[in-house]
């Protein structure tokens, strides 16, 4: 059986305060546990929903959310990526 995991990747040298507050709100179980591919996809959808529910996009006007089947990421208005969550196969 193949095991999958949601990986968090930060793309900034210094975390802005809003990003630190947002990352604290995400339960680590959503991106640190190894699970089946269906559960990992569900965890990724839950992270995307947390982004929407947190109000980060409304409070920080220039932020954009990108959601695909295997990636959830937050970008600046200029297109620079702050953080990305993706599904990866564990070996």
Protein backbone atom coordinates (compact mmCIF):
# COMPACT_ATOMS: atom_id res chain seq x y z
CA UNK A 1 0.00 0.00 0.00
CA UNK A 2 1.34 3.41 -0.93
CA UNK A 3 1.44 6.08 1.76
CA UNK A 4 1.01 9.80 1.11
CA UNK A 5 1.59 12.98 3.06
CA UNK A 6 0.69 16.66 2.68
CA UNK A 7 3.91 18.67 2.57
CA UNK A 8 4.09 22.32 3.68
CA UNK A 9 6.66 24.43 1.82
CA UNK A 10 7.30 28.06 2.70
CA UNK A 11 8.70 30.32 -0.01
CA UNK A 12 9.61 33.40 2.02
CA UNK A 13 12.81 34.20 3.89
CA UNK A 14 11.03 35.96 6.73
CA UNK A 15 7.48 35.04 7.65
CA UNK A 16 5.04 37.95 7.79
CA UNK A 17 2.99 38.12 10.99
CA UNK A 18 -0.24 37.23 9.18
CA UNK A 19 1.40 34.06 7.82
CA UNK A 20 2.63 33.00 11.27
CA UNK A 21 -0.86 33.52 12.74
CA UNK A 22 -2.45 31.58 9.90
CA UNK A 23 -0.02 28.63 10.10
CA UNK A 24 -0.65 28.31 13.84
CA UNK A 25 -4.36 27.82 13.13
CA UNK A 26 -3.76 24.81 10.87
CA UNK A 27 -3.73 21.53 12.83
CA UNK A 28 -0.43 19.75 12.18
CA UNK A 29 -2.32 16.46 11.77
CA UNK A 30 -3.49 17.74 8.38
CA UNK A 31 0.03 17.93 6.94
CA UNK A 32 2.33 15.80 9.08
CA UNK A 33 0.63 12.41 9.18
CA UNK A 34 1.15 9.76 6.53
CA UNK A 35 -2.15 8.49 5.11
CA UNK A 36 -3.83 7.03 2.06
CA UNK A 37 -4.14 9.14 -1.08
CA UNK A 38 -7.86 9.79 -0.44
CA UNK A 39 -7.22 10.99 3.11
CA UNK A 40 -4.32 13.18 1.97
CA UNK A 41 -6.56 14.75 -0.70
CA UNK A 42 -9.22 15.34 1.98
CA UNK A 43 -6.63 16.98 4.24
CA UNK A 44 -5.56 19.23 1.38
CA UNK A 45 -9.17 20.27 0.75
CA UNK A 46 -9.52 20.98 4.49
CA UNK A 47 -6.45 23.24 4.38
CA UNK A 48 -7.93 25.09 1.41
CA UNK A 49 -11.19 25.53 3.31
CA UNK A 50 -9.25 26.83 6.35
CA UNK A 51 -7.66 29.47 4.12
CA UNK A 52 -11.10 30.58 2.95
CA UNK A 53 -12.66 30.46 6.44
CA UNK A 54 -9.78 32.25 8.17
CA UNK A 55 -10.46 35.53 6.40
CA UNK A 56 -6.79 35.93 5.46
CA UNK A 57 -7.68 36.64 1.83
CA UNK A 58 -10.13 39.39 2.79
CA UNK A 59 -7.88 40.99 5.41
CA UNK A 60 -4.83 40.99 3.14
CA UNK A 61 -6.31 42.39 -0.06
CA UNK A 62 -3.47 41.38 -2.37
CA UNK A 63 -3.42 37.68 -1.51
CA UNK A 64 -4.64 35.03 -3.91
CA UNK A 65 -5.51 31.39 -3.26
CA UNK A 66 -4.68 28.77 -5.85
CA UNK A 67 -6.37 25.38 -5.42
CA UNK A 68 -5.82 22.37 -7.65
CA UNK A 69 -6.25 18.65 -7.06
CA UNK A 70 -2.79 18.22 -5.52
CA UNK A 71 -1.75 21.78 -4.51
CA UNK A 72 -3.07 24.60 -2.34
CA UNK A 73 -0.99 27.77 -2.33
CA UNK A 74 -1.18 31.40 -1.25
CA UNK A 75 0.33 34.03 -3.58
CA UNK A 76 0.94 37.75 -3.38
CA UNK A 77 -0.73 40.13 -5.84
CA UNK A 78 2.50 40.11 -7.85
CA UNK A 79 2.46 36.33 -8.10
CA UNK A 80 5.14 35.54 -5.51
CA UNK A 81 4.34 32.43 -3.49
CA UNK A 82 4.18 32.59 0.32
CA UNK A 83 3.28 29.01 1.21
CA UNK A 84 2.34 25.85 -0.64
CA UNK A 85 0.74 22.62 0.54
CA UNK A 86 1.08 19.64 -1.80
CA UNK A 87 0.58 15.88 -1.74
CA UNK A 88 3.71 13.77 -1.88
CA UNK A 89 4.27 10.04 -1.86
CA UNK A 90 6.27 8.75 1.12
CA UNK A 91 8.85 6.07 0.51
